[in-house]
Amino acid sequence: MAELASKRPDAGQRSCIVFEGNAPASLASNAPLRRAIDSTPDARPTSFQLWLGDAVAIKEPTAGVLRRQAGSNLALIGQQDEPAMAISAAVILAACAQHRSSEFSAVVLDGCTADDPNAGYLETVAKAMPNEIEVPGFRESSDAVLALGAELARRIESGATDGPPRLLVVHGLQRFRSLRRAEDDFGFSTDDDAPPTPDKVFAALLKDGPEHGIFVHAWADTVATLERCVDRQSMRGFDQRAMFQVGSADSSTLIDSPAASMLGNNRGLLFSEEKGTMEKFRPWGLPSEAFVAAAGRALAARED
């Protein structure tokens, strides 16, 4: 064991692993994220990771992976507001850390209510990043989605599959009524006088966005909320589905298993339909604004 350790370059840098099952995971202790922040990407990555929390195993943190293929979007479902906020913040930070600031941008729809203790937190995270992160007001959210739809249409028309990656983060899908499916939703209208609506654009982003470099991460409080916005066919656009504890029926609806109904407090489950795998994790605790600011400064400095 000593001989093996001596051959590993980071053998002396690793600290003792102490599993604290009831404590939130620390984003600041995420080793892959720290490495990404400390190194400048040589080229645009072909895929990137969105770390959700510490795995309930001795391994790297649990992550959804976004790549340019159909279905490569990530949904998070559960009613735990603060862990959901922490994951949305971690998603923004992780995506920025794995790209040069000029080669990645995002749109963040923040569904926090004004009386939420963490209202404005995601905007603070966005402003700390050197990347272009748009955080439209609640009334402007529909226009932001339509603009992403127009960008997707341009990429499809030109046949471009190598455009700079863009990420739509929807924090609180339940708050954005414009993204709910209409009762008579049969897809994009062929009538030139009836332009696409935000709900139809959202469905198009889920279906065609990943192959053209536009991805979606969405948090919804319940499965019913997700189903109001995403029909059964469009649900395939969320190949990766993360959950906090939900009811047995909701768990079975999403992953064909009641596993997410037995998670307990401070636990999450990541399901990949493509791989057919389920992985338990401890969700991140809300990172401090000081950590976020320091990470943003480090990302800006590495390209100077």
C-alpha atoms as a PDB file:
ATOM      1  CA  MET A   1       0.000   0.000   0.000  1.00  0.00           C
ATOM      2  CA  ALA A   2       2.833   2.392   0.826  1.00  0.00           C
ATOM      3  CA  GLU A   3       4.521   1.646  -2.497  1.00  0.00           C
ATOM      4  CA  LEU A   4       1.279   2.296  -4.401  1.00  0.00           C
ATOM      5  CA  ALA A   5       0.696   5.541  -2.524  1.00  0.00           C
ATOM      6  CA  SER A   6       4.201   6.768  -3.300  1.00  0.00           C
ATOM      7  CA  LYS A   7       3.533   6.394  -7.031  1.00  0.00           C
ATOM      8  CA  ARG A   8       0.442   8.594  -6.930  1.00  0.00           C
ATOM      9  CA  PRO A   9       1.202  12.291  -7.398  1.00  0.00           C
ATOM     10  CA  ASP A  10      -1.608  13.416  -5.093  1.00  0.00           C
ATOM     11  CA  ALA A  11      -0.997  10.810  -2.393  1.00  0.00           C
ATOM     12  CA  GLY A  12       0.084  13.376   0.162  1.00  0.00           C
ATOM     13  CA  GLN A  13      -2.720  15.813  -0.637  1.00  0.00           C
ATOM     14  CA  ARG A  14      -5.698  13.669   0.234  1.00  0.00           C
ATOM     15  CA  SER A  15      -7.337  14.089   3.607  1.00  0.00           C
ATOM     16  CA  CYS A  16      -9.029  11.419   5.664  1.00  0.00           C
ATOM     17  CA  ILE A  17     -12.583  10.663   4.460  1.00  0.00           C
ATOM     18  CA  VAL A  18     -15.166  11.060   7.224  1.00  0.00           C
ATOM     19  CA  PHE A  19     -18.718  10.179   6.202  1.00  0.00           C
ATOM     20  CA  GLU A  20     -21.216  12.481   7.921  1.00  0.00           C
ATOM     21  CA  GLY A  21     -24.511  11.075   6.794  1.00  0.00           C
ATOM     22  CA  ASN A  22     -26.725  13.765   8.289  1.00  0.00           C
ATOM     23  CA  ALA A  23     -24.694  16.781   7.183  1.00  0.00           C
ATOM     24  CA  PRO A  24     -25.018  18.497   3.791  1.00  0.00           C
ATOM     25  CA  ALA A  25     -22.103  17.967   1.430  1.00  0.00           C
ATOM     26  CA  SER A  26     -19.621  20.820   1.032  1.00  0.00           C
ATOM     27  CA  LEU A  27     -19.254  22.257  -2.455  1.00  0.00           C
ATOM     28  CA  ALA A  28     -16.016  23.947  -1.377  1.00  0.00           C
ATOM     29  CA  SER A  29     -14.566  20.456  -0.731  1.00  0.00           C
ATOM     30  CA  ASN A  30     -15.469  19.175  -4.196  1.00  0.00           C
ATOM     31  CA  ALA A  31     -12.057  18.110  -5.530  1.00  0.00           C
ATOM     32  CA  PRO A  32     -13.061  17.842  -9.232  1.00  0.00           C
ATOM     33  CA  LEU A  33     -14.571  21.342  -9.058  1.00  0.00           C
ATOM     34  CA  ARG A  34     -11.420  22.732  -7.444  1.00  0.00           C
ATOM     35  CA  ARG A  35      -9.302  21.173 -10.171  1.00  0.00           C
ATOM     36  CA  ALA A  36     -11.559  22.665 -12.838  1.00  0.00           C
ATOM     37  CA  ILE A  37     -11.334  26.119 -11.248  1.00  0.00           C
ATOM     38  CA  ASP A  38      -7.546  25.935 -10.951  1.00  0.00           C
ATOM     39  CA  SER A  39      -6.917  24.864 -14.550  1.00  0.00           C
ATOM     40  CA  THR A  40      -7.619  26.693 -17.799  1.00  0.00           C
ATOM     41  CA  PRO A  41      -9.338  24.498 -20.411  1.00  0.00           C
ATOM     42  CA  ASP A  42      -7.065  23.931 -23.412  1.00  0.00           C
ATOM     43  CA  ALA A  43     -10.057  23.446 -25.689  1.00  0.00           C
ATOM     44  CA  ARG A  44     -13.821  23.431 -25.499  1.00  0.00           C
ATOM     45  CA  PRO A  45     -14.832  20.173 -23.763  1.00  0.00           C
ATOM     46  CA  THR A  46     -16.997  17.690 -25.631  1.00  0.00           C
ATOM     47  CA  SER A  47     -18.998  17.130 -22.436  1.00  0.00           C
ATOM     48  CA  PHE A  48     -19.152  18.679 -18.988  1.00  0.00           C
ATOM     49  CA  GLN A  49     -20.240  17.577 -15.533  1.00  0.00           C
ATOM     50  CA  LEU A  50     -22.844  19.073 -13.219  1.00  0.00           C
ATOM     51  CA  TRP A  51     -21.935  17.921  -9.711  1.00  0.00           C
ATOM     52  CA  LEU A  52     -24.972  17.390  -7.475  1.00  0.00           C
ATOM     53  CA  GLY A  53     -23.418  16.272  -4.203  1.00  0.00           C
ATOM     54  CA  ASP A  54     -21.148  13.743  -2.540  1.00  0.00           C
ATOM     55  CA  ALA A  55     -21.749  10.137  -3.512  1.00  0.00           C
ATOM     56  CA  VAL A  56     -22.828   7.754  -0.766  1.00  0.00           C
ATOM     57  CA  ALA A  57     -19.712   5.740  -1.577  1.00  0.00           C
ATOM     58  CA  ILE A  58     -15.964   6.306  -1.697  1.00  0.00           C
ATOM     59  CA  LYS A  59     -15.834   7.818  -5.157  1.00  0.00           C
ATOM     60  CA  GLU A  60     -15.953  11.132  -6.973  1.00  0.00           C
ATOM     61  CA  PRO A  61     -19.001  13.359  -6.362  1.00  0.00           C
ATOM     62  CA  THR A  62     -22.200  12.384  -8.142  1.00  0.00           C
ATOM     63  CA  ALA A  63     -22.686  14.277 -11.401  1.00  0.00           C
ATOM     64  CA  GLY A  64     -24.975  14.562 -14.354  1.00  0.00           C
ATOM     65  CA  VAL A  65     -23.045  14.720 -17.629  1.00  0.00           C
ATOM     66  CA  LEU A  66     -24.151  16.949 -20.488  1.00  0.00           C
ATOM     67  CA  ARG A  67     -22.984  16.036 -23.970  1.00  0.00           C
ATOM     68  CA  ARG A  68     -24.178  16.816 -27.483  1.00  0.00           C
ATOM     69  CA  GLN A  69     -26.665  14.026 -27.878  1.00  0.00           C
ATOM     70  CA  ALA A  70     -30.429  13.700 -27.633  1.00  0.00           C
ATOM     71  CA  GLY A  71     -31.847  13.651 -24.116  1.00  0.00           C
ATOM     72  CA  SER A  72     -28.800  15.213 -22.486  1.00  0.00           C
ATOM     73  CA  ASN A  73     -30.675  17.446 -20.035  1.00  0.00           C
ATOM     74  CA  LEU A  74     -31.025  17.239 -16.262  1.00  0.00           C
ATOM     75  CA  ALA A  75     -34.178  17.453 -14.130  1.00  0.00           C
ATOM     76  CA  LEU A  76     -34.266  17.761 -10.337  1.00  0.00           C
ATOM     77  CA  ILE A  77     -37.491  16.996  -8.476  1.00  0.00           C
ATOM     78  CA  GLY A  78     -38.287  17.491  -4.805  1.00  0.00           C
ATOM     79  CA  GLN A  79     -39.653  19.973  -2.301  1.00  0.00           C
ATOM     80  CA  GLN A  80     -36.417  20.716  -0.427  1.00  0.00           C
ATOM     81  CA  ASP A  81     -35.919  24.362  -1.380  1.00  0.00           C
ATOM     82  CA  GLU A  82     -32.439  25.045   0.014  1.00  0.00           C
ATOM     83  CA  PRO A  83     -30.717  21.909  -1.380  1.00  0.00           C
ATOM     84  CA  ALA A  84     -32.356  22.674  -4.732  1.00  0.00           C
ATOM     85  CA  MET A  85     -30.959  26.216  -4.580  1.00  0.00           C
ATOM     86  CA  ALA A  86     -27.516  24.867  -3.693  1.00  0.00           C
ATOM     87  CA  ILE A  87     -27.584  22.483  -6.667  1.00  0.00           C
ATOM     88  CA  SER A  88     -28.707  25.238  -9.068  1.00  0.00           C
ATOM     89  CA  ALA A  89     -25.805  27.388  -7.849  1.00  0.00           C
ATOM     90  CA  ALA A  90     -23.386  24.463  -8.157  1.00  0.00           C
ATOM     91  CA  VAL A  91     -24.613  23.777 -11.708  1.00  0.00           C
ATOM     92  CA  ILE A  92     -23.830  27.360 -12.757  1.00  0.00           C
ATOM     93  CA  LEU A  93     -20.416  27.335 -11.106  1.00  0.00           C
ATOM     94  CA  ALA A  94     -19.461  23.895 -12.462  1.00  0.00           C
ATOM     95  CA  ALA A  95     -20.416  24.750 -16.034  1.00  0.00           C
ATOM     96  CA  CYS A  96     -18.436  28.002 -15.916  1.00  0.00           C
ATOM     97  CA  ALA A  97     -15.408  26.282 -14.379  1.00  0.00           C
ATOM     98  CA  GLN A  98     -15.171  23.766 -17.228  1.00  0.00           C
ATOM     99  CA  HIS A  99     -15.231  26.359 -20.020  1.00  0.00           C
ATOM    100  CA  ARG A 100     -13.404  29.517 -20.948  1.00  0.00           C
ATOM    101  CA  SER A 101     -15.530  32.544 -20.169  1.00  0.00           C
ATOM    102  CA  SER A 102     -15.922  33.379 -23.871  1.00  0.00           C
ATOM    103  CA  GLU A 103     -17.077  29.868 -24.766  1.00  0.00           C
ATOM    104  CA  PHE A 104     -20.000  29.329 -22.409  1.00  0.00           C
ATOM    105  CA  SER A 105     -23.081  31.347 -21.479  1.00  0.00           C
ATOM    106  CA  ALA A 106     -26.262  30.685 -19.548  1.00  0.00           C
ATOM    107  CA  VAL A 107     -29.766  31.947 -18.880  1.00  0.00           C
ATOM    108  CA  VAL A 108     -31.049  31.562 -15.318  1.00  0.00           C
ATOM    109  CA  LEU A 109     -34.784  31.741 -14.606  1.00  0.00           C
ATOM    110  CA  ASP A 110     -35.035  32.260 -10.858  1.00  0.00           C
ATOM    111  CA  GLY A 111     -38.436  31.281  -9.512  1.00  0.00           C
ATOM    112  CA  CYS A 112     -37.730  32.327  -5.923  1.00  0.00           C
ATOM    113  CA  THR A 113     -40.480  34.377  -4.348  1.00  0.00           C
ATOM    114  CA  ALA A 114     -39.655  37.767  -2.842  1.00  0.00           C
ATOM    115  CA  ASP A 115     -40.108  36.444   0.706  1.00  0.00           C
ATOM    116  CA  ASP A 116     -37.772  33.479   0.188  1.00  0.00           C
ATOM    117  CA  PRO A 117     -34.749  33.726   2.542  1.00  0.00           C
ATOM    118  CA  ASN A 118     -32.468  32.998  -0.422  1.00  0.00           C
ATOM    119  CA  ALA A 119     -34.093  35.383  -2.896  1.00  0.00           C
ATOM    120  CA  GLY A 120     -31.426  36.972  -5.099  1.00  0.00           C
ATOM    121  CA  TYR A 121     -28.826  34.323  -4.317  1.00  0.00           C
ATOM    122  CA  LEU A 122     -28.650  32.922  -7.859  1.00  0.00           C
ATOM    123  CA  GLU A 123     -28.213  36.431  -9.247  1.00  0.00           C
ATOM    124  CA  THR A 124     -25.276  36.884  -6.853  1.00  0.00           C
ATOM    125  CA  VAL A 125     -23.751  33.654  -8.178  1.00  0.00           C
ATOM    126  CA  ALA A 126     -24.305  34.744 -11.780  1.00  0.00           C
ATOM    127  CA  LYS A 127     -22.695  38.157 -11.229  1.00  0.00           C
ATOM    128  CA  ALA A 128     -19.637  36.544  -9.628  1.00  0.00           C
ATOM    129  CA  MET A 129     -18.881  34.504 -12.763  1.00  0.00           C
ATOM    130  CA  PRO A 130     -16.778  35.959 -15.619  1.00  0.00           C
ATOM    131  CA  ASN A 131     -19.094  34.266 -18.138  1.00  0.00           C
ATOM    132  CA  GLU A 132     -22.175  35.877 -19.637  1.00  0.00           C
ATOM    133  CA  ILE A 133     -24.971  34.755 -17.303  1.00  0.00           C
ATOM    134  CA  GLU A 134     -28.343  36.363 -17.978  1.00  0.00           C
ATOM    135  CA  VAL A 135     -30.823  36.496 -15.078  1.00  0.00           C
ATOM    136  CA  PRO A 136     -33.999  38.047 -16.500  1.00  0.00           C
ATOM    137  CA  GLY A 137     -36.726  39.361 -14.243  1.00  0.00           C
ATOM    138  CA  PHE A 138     -39.807  37.236 -13.751  1.00  0.00           C
ATOM    139  CA  ARG A 139     -41.777  39.203 -16.350  1.00  0.00           C
ATOM    140  CA  GLU A 140     -38.958  38.889 -18.886  1.00  0.00           C
ATOM    141  CA  SER A 141     -38.551  35.129 -18.463  1.00  0.00           C
ATOM    142  CA  SER A 142     -40.780  34.259 -21.430  1.00  0.00           C
ATOM    143  CA  ASP A 143     -38.780  36.538 -23.734  1.00  0.00           C
ATOM    144  CA  ALA A 144     -35.548  34.899 -22.575  1.00  0.00           C
ATOM    145  CA  VAL A 145     -36.909  31.437 -23.453  1.00  0.00           C
ATOM    146  CA  LEU A 146     -38.108  32.664 -26.853  1.00  0.00           C
ATOM    147  CA  ALA A 147     -34.651  34.126 -27.528  1.00  0.00           C
ATOM    148  CA  LEU A 148     -33.062  30.750 -26.784  1.00  0.00           C
ATOM    149  CA  GLY A 149     -35.580  29.151 -29.118  1.00  0.00           C
ATOM    150  CA  ALA A 150     -34.586  31.577 -31.867  1.00  0.00           C
ATOM    151  CA  GLU A 151     -30.922  30.708 -31.275  1.00  0.00           C
ATOM    152  CA  LEU A 152     -31.762  27.004 -31.542  1.00  0.00           C
ATOM    153  CA  ALA A 153     -33.682  27.614 -34.776  1.00  0.00           C
ATOM    154  CA  ARG A 154     -30.673  29.434 -36.264  1.00  0.00           C
ATOM    155  CA  ARG A 155     -28.358  26.597 -35.325  1.00  0.00           C
ATOM    156  CA  ILE A 156     -30.698  23.994 -36.795  1.00  0.00           C
ATOM    157  CA  GLU A 157     -31.128  25.973 -40.017  1.00  0.00           C
ATOM    158  CA  SER A 158     -27.376  26.391 -40.460  1.00  0.00           C
ATOM    159  CA  GLY A 159     -26.670  22.794 -39.487  1.00  0.00           C
ATOM    160  CA  ALA A 160     -24.302  24.003 -36.755  1.00  0.00           C
ATOM    161  CA  THR A 161     -23.616  21.436 -34.043  1.00  0.00           C
ATOM    162  CA  ASP A 162     -20.417  23.011 -32.730  1.00  0.00           C
ATOM    163  CA  GLY A 163     -21.704  26.367 -31.492  1.00  0.00           C
ATOM    164  CA  PRO A 164     -20.654  27.573 -28.018  1.00  0.00           C
ATOM    165  CA  PRO A 165     -22.586  25.677 -25.341  1.00  0.00           C
ATOM    166  CA  ARG A 166     -25.479  27.447 -23.646  1.00  0.00           C
ATOM    167  CA  LEU A 167     -27.371  26.360 -20.547  1.00  0.00           C
ATOM    168  CA  LEU A 168     -30.916  27.200 -19.472  1.00  0.00           C
ATOM    169  CA  VAL A 169     -31.326  26.880 -15.704  1.00  0.00           C
ATOM    170  CA  VAL A 170     -34.952  26.894 -14.563  1.00  0.00           C
ATOM    171  CA  HIS A 171     -35.028  27.146 -10.780  1.00  0.00           C
ATOM    172  CA  GLY A 172     -38.614  26.579  -9.724  1.00  0.00           C
ATOM    173  CA  LEU A 173     -40.479  25.282 -12.755  1.00  0.00           C
ATOM    174  CA  GLN A 174     -43.698  25.551 -10.741  1.00  0.00           C
ATOM    175  CA  ARG A 175     -43.465  29.340 -10.840  1.00  0.00           C
ATOM    176  CA  PHE A 176     -43.292  29.744 -14.626  1.00  0.00           C
ATOM    177  CA  ARG A 177     -46.826  29.306 -15.928  1.00  0.00           C
ATOM    178  CA  SER A 178     -45.751  30.277 -19.439  1.00  0.00           C
ATOM    179  CA  LEU A 179     -43.799  26.997 -19.660  1.00  0.00           C
ATOM    180  CA  ARG A 180     -46.852  24.863 -18.944  1.00  0.00           C
ATOM    181  CA  ARG A 181     -48.257  22.917 -21.848  1.00  0.00           C
ATOM    182  CA  ALA A 182     -51.482  24.155 -23.392  1.00  0.00           C
ATOM    183  CA  GLU A 183     -54.315  21.649 -23.442  1.00  0.00           C
ATOM    184  CA  ASP A 184     -54.271  21.660 -27.255  1.00  0.00           C
ATOM    185  CA  ASP A 185     -50.478  21.421 -27.554  1.00  0.00           C
ATOM    186  CA  PHE A 186     -49.640  19.456 -30.690  1.00  0.00           C
ATOM    187  CA  GLY A 187     -46.208  20.994 -31.391  1.00  0.00           C
ATOM    188  CA  PHE A 188     -45.060  24.027 -33.365  1.00  0.00           C
ATOM    189  CA  SER A 189     -47.714  25.669 -35.458  1.00  0.00           C
ATOM    190  CA  THR A 190     -47.179  25.907 -39.210  1.00  0.00           C
ATOM    191  CA  ASP A 191     -49.126  29.161 -39.264  1.00  0.00           C
ATOM    192  CA  ASP A 192     -46.715  32.065 -39.790  1.00  0.00           C
ATOM    193  CA  ASP A 193     -49.124  34.319 -37.915  1.00  0.00           C
ATOM    194  CA  ALA A 194     -48.886  32.154 -34.799  1.00  0.00           C
ATOM    195  CA  PRO A 195     -45.315  32.335 -33.502  1.00  0.00           C
ATOM    196  CA  PRO A 196     -44.053  29.677 -31.084  1.00  0.00           C
ATOM    197  CA  THR A 197     -45.052  30.125 -27.471  1.00  0.00           C
ATOM    198  CA  PRO A 198     -42.643  29.654 -24.518  1.00  0.00           C
ATOM    199  CA  ASP A 199     -44.060  26.224 -23.647  1.00  0.00           C
ATOM    200  CA  LYS A 200     -43.487  24.945 -27.191  1.00  0.00           C
ATOM    201  CA  VAL A 201     -40.016  26.462 -27.308  1.00  0.00           C
ATOM    202  CA  PHE A 202     -39.222  24.775 -23.987  1.00  0.00           C
ATOM    203  CA  ALA A 203     -40.269  21.414 -25.478  1.00  0.00           C
ATOM    204  CA  ALA A 204     -38.117  22.093 -28.554  1.00  0.00           C
ATOM    205  CA  LEU A 205     -35.108  22.923 -26.381  1.00  0.00           C
ATOM    206  CA  LEU A 206     -35.492  19.608 -24.558  1.00  0.00           C
ATOM    207  CA  LYS A 207     -35.820  17.666 -27.789  1.00  0.00           C
ATOM    208  CA  ASP A 208     -33.317  19.325 -30.132  1.00  0.00           C
ATOM    209  CA  GLY A 209     -31.205  21.581 -27.934  1.00  0.00           C
ATOM    210  CA  PRO A 210     -28.491  19.191 -26.697  1.00  0.00           C
ATOM    211  CA  GLU A 211     -27.436  18.087 -30.184  1.00  0.00           C
ATOM    212  CA  HIS A 212     -26.887  21.762 -31.025  1.00  0.00           C
ATOM    213  CA  GLY A 213     -25.159  22.724 -27.778  1.00  0.00           C
ATOM    214  CA  ILE A 214     -28.132  24.144 -25.840  1.00  0.00           C
ATOM    215  CA  PHE A 215     -28.923  22.298 -22.600  1.00  0.00           C
ATOM    216  CA  VAL A 216     -31.532  22.507 -19.822  1.00  0.00           C
ATOM    217  CA  HIS A 217     -31.305  22.004 -16.074  1.00  0.00           C
ATOM    218  CA  ALA A 218     -34.676  22.385 -14.361  1.00  0.00           C
ATOM    219  CA  TRP A 219     -35.804  22.046 -10.756  1.00  0.00           C
ATOM    220  CA  ALA A 220     -39.486  21.264 -10.128  1.00  0.00           C
ATOM    221  CA  ASP A 221     -41.045  20.853  -6.692  1.00  0.00           C
ATOM    222  CA  THR A 222     -43.243  17.888  -7.672  1.00  0.00           C
ATOM    223  CA  VAL A 223     -43.677  15.339 -10.433  1.00  0.00           C
ATOM    224  CA  ALA A 224     -47.078  16.903 -11.170  1.00  0.00           C
ATOM    225  CA  THR A 225     -45.346  20.219 -11.917  1.00  0.00           C
ATOM    226  CA  LEU A 226     -42.972  18.502 -14.321  1.00  0.00           C
ATOM    227  CA  GLU A 227     -45.832  16.707 -16.059  1.00  0.00           C
ATOM    228  CA  ARG A 228     -47.725  19.977 -16.531  1.00  0.00           C
ATOM    229  CA  CYS A 229     -44.756  21.323 -18.495  1.00  0.00           C
ATOM    230  CA  VAL A 230     -43.398  18.195 -20.165  1.00  0.00           C
ATOM    231  CA  ASP A 231     -45.477  15.557 -21.925  1.00  0.00           C
ATOM    232  CA  ARG A 232     -44.536  11.874 -21.977  1.00  0.00           C
ATOM    233  CA  GLN A 233     -42.609  12.190 -25.241  1.00  0.00           C
ATOM    234  CA  SER A 234     -40.713  15.296 -24.127  1.00  0.00           C
ATOM    235  CA  MET A 235     -39.846  13.602 -20.826  1.00  0.00           C
ATOM    236  CA  ARG A 236     -37.281  11.619 -22.806  1.00  0.00           C
ATOM    237  CA  GLY A 237     -35.417  14.910 -23.117  1.00  0.00           C
ATOM    238  CA  PHE A 238     -34.533  14.531 -19.438  1.00  0.00           C
ATOM    239  CA  ASP A 239     -32.361  11.451 -19.703  1.00  0.00           C
ATOM    240  CA  GLN A 240     -30.902  12.278 -16.280  1.00  0.00           C
ATOM    241  CA  ARG A 241     -33.335  12.737 -13.391  1.00  0.00           C
ATOM    242  CA  ALA A 242     -32.278  13.607  -9.867  1.00  0.00           C
ATOM    243  CA  MET A 243     -34.712  13.391  -6.964  1.00  0.00           C
ATOM    244  CA  PHE A 244     -34.985  14.145  -3.311  1.00  0.00           C
ATOM    245  CA  GLN A 245     -37.429  11.983  -1.361  1.00  0.00           C
ATOM    246  CA  VAL A 246     -40.768  11.785  -3.185  1.00  0.00           C
ATOM    247  CA  GLY A 247     -43.801   9.543  -2.921  1.00  0.00           C
ATOM    248  CA  SER A 248     -43.678   5.956  -4.114  1.00  0.00           C
ATOM    249  CA  ALA A 249     -46.028   6.614  -7.042  1.00  0.00           C
ATOM    250  CA  ASP A 250     -44.032   9.672  -8.159  1.00  0.00           C
ATOM    251  CA  SER A 251     -40.771   7.739  -7.931  1.00  0.00           C
ATOM    252  CA  SER A 252     -42.211   4.928 -10.040  1.00  0.00           C
ATOM    253  CA  THR A 253     -43.497   7.434 -12.593  1.00  0.00           C
ATOM    254  CA  LEU A 254     -40.052   8.946 -13.078  1.00  0.00           C
ATOM    255  CA  ILE A 255     -37.698   6.003 -12.764  1.00  0.00           C
ATOM    256  CA  ASP A 256     -39.864   2.847 -12.777  1.00  0.00           C
ATOM    257  CA  SER A 257     -38.838   2.155  -9.194  1.00  0.00           C
ATOM    258  CA  PRO A 258     -39.998   3.268  -5.722  1.00  0.00           C
ATOM    259  CA  ALA A 259     -36.347   3.822  -4.698  1.00  0.00           C
ATOM    260  CA  ALA A 260     -36.685   7.613  -4.325  1.00  0.00           C
ATOM    261  CA  SER A 261     -39.502   7.150  -1.793  1.00  0.00           C
ATOM    262  CA  MET A 262     -37.071   5.552   0.654  1.00  0.00           C
ATOM    263  CA  LEU A 263     -34.272   8.111   0.589  1.00  0.00           C
ATOM    264  CA  GLY A 264     -34.829   9.913   3.889  1.00  0.00           C
ATOM    265  CA  ASN A 265     -33.481  13.322   4.853  1.00  0.00           C
ATOM    266  CA  ASN A 266     -30.444  14.833   3.152  1.00  0.00           C
ATOM    267  CA  ARG A 267     -30.363  12.261   0.385  1.00  0.00           C
ATOM    268  CA  GLY A 268     -30.775  12.410  -3.344  1.00  0.00           C
ATOM    269  CA  LEU A 269     -30.897   9.873  -6.143  1.00  0.00           C
ATOM    270  CA  LEU A 270     -29.594  10.334  -9.683  1.00  0.00           C
ATOM    271  CA  PHE A 271     -31.138   8.129 -12.355  1.00  0.00           C
ATOM    272  CA  SER A 272     -29.766   7.805 -15.885  1.00  0.00           C
ATOM    273  CA  GLU A 273     -32.204   6.352 -18.382  1.00  0.00           C
ATOM    274  CA  GLU A 274     -29.431   5.845 -20.954  1.00  0.00           C
ATOM    275  CA  LYS A 275     -27.241   3.856 -18.570  1.00  0.00           C
ATOM    276  CA  GLY A 276     -30.034   2.355 -16.490  1.00  0.00           C
ATOM    277  CA  THR A 277     -28.193   3.324 -13.287  1.00  0.00           C
ATOM    278  CA  MET A 278     -29.222   4.838  -9.951  1.00  0.00           C
ATOM    279  CA  GLU A 279     -26.772   6.532  -7.617  1.00  0.00           C
ATOM    280  CA  LYS A 280     -27.438   7.917  -4.150  1.00  0.00           C
ATOM    281  CA  PHE A 281     -25.821  11.180  -3.081  1.00  0.00           C
ATOM    282  CA  ARG A 282     -25.774  13.803  -0.333  1.00  0.00           C
ATOM    283  CA  PRO A 283     -26.910  17.122  -1.851  1.00  0.00           C
ATOM    284  CA  TRP A 284     -24.726  20.189  -1.474  1.00  0.00           C
ATOM    285  CA  GLY A 285     -25.302  22.620   1.323  1.00  0.00           C
ATOM    286  CA  LEU A 286     -25.727  26.214   0.195  1.00  0.00           C
ATOM    287  CA  PRO A 287     -22.202  27.516  -0.596  1.00  0.00           C
ATOM    288  CA  SER A 288     -21.222  30.747   1.097  1.00  0.00           C
ATOM    289  CA  GLU A 289     -21.174  33.943  -0.927  1.00  0.00           C
ATOM    290  CA  ALA A 290     -17.495  34.288   0.022  1.00  0.00           C
ATOM    291  CA  PHE A 291     -16.716  30.936  -1.622  1.00  0.00           C
ATOM    292  CA  VAL A 292     -18.705  31.866  -4.732  1.00  0.00           C
ATOM    293  CA  ALA A 293     -16.927  35.228  -4.993  1.00  0.00           C
ATOM    294  CA  ALA A 294     -13.508  33.611  -4.580  1.00  0.00           C
ATOM    295  CA  ALA A 295     -14.337  31.024  -7.243  1.00  0.00           C
ATOM    296  CA  GLY A 296     -15.435  33.782  -9.619  1.00  0.00           C
ATOM    297  CA  ARG A 297     -12.205  35.710  -9.076  1.00  0.00           C
ATOM    298  CA  ALA A 298     -10.154  32.559  -9.696  1.00  0.00           C
ATOM    299  CA  LEU A 299     -12.024  31.872 -12.938  1.00  0.00           C
ATOM    300  CA  ALA A 300     -11.469  35.439 -14.138  1.00  0.00           C
ATOM    301  CA  ALA A 301      -7.784  35.377 -13.171  1.00  0.00           C
ATOM    302  CA  ARG A 302      -6.908  32.142 -14.948  1.00  0.00           C
ATOM    303  CA  GLU A 303      -7.526  33.708 -18.370  1.00  0.00           C
ATOM    304  CA  ASP A 304      -5.561  36.939 -17.770  1.00  0.00           C
END
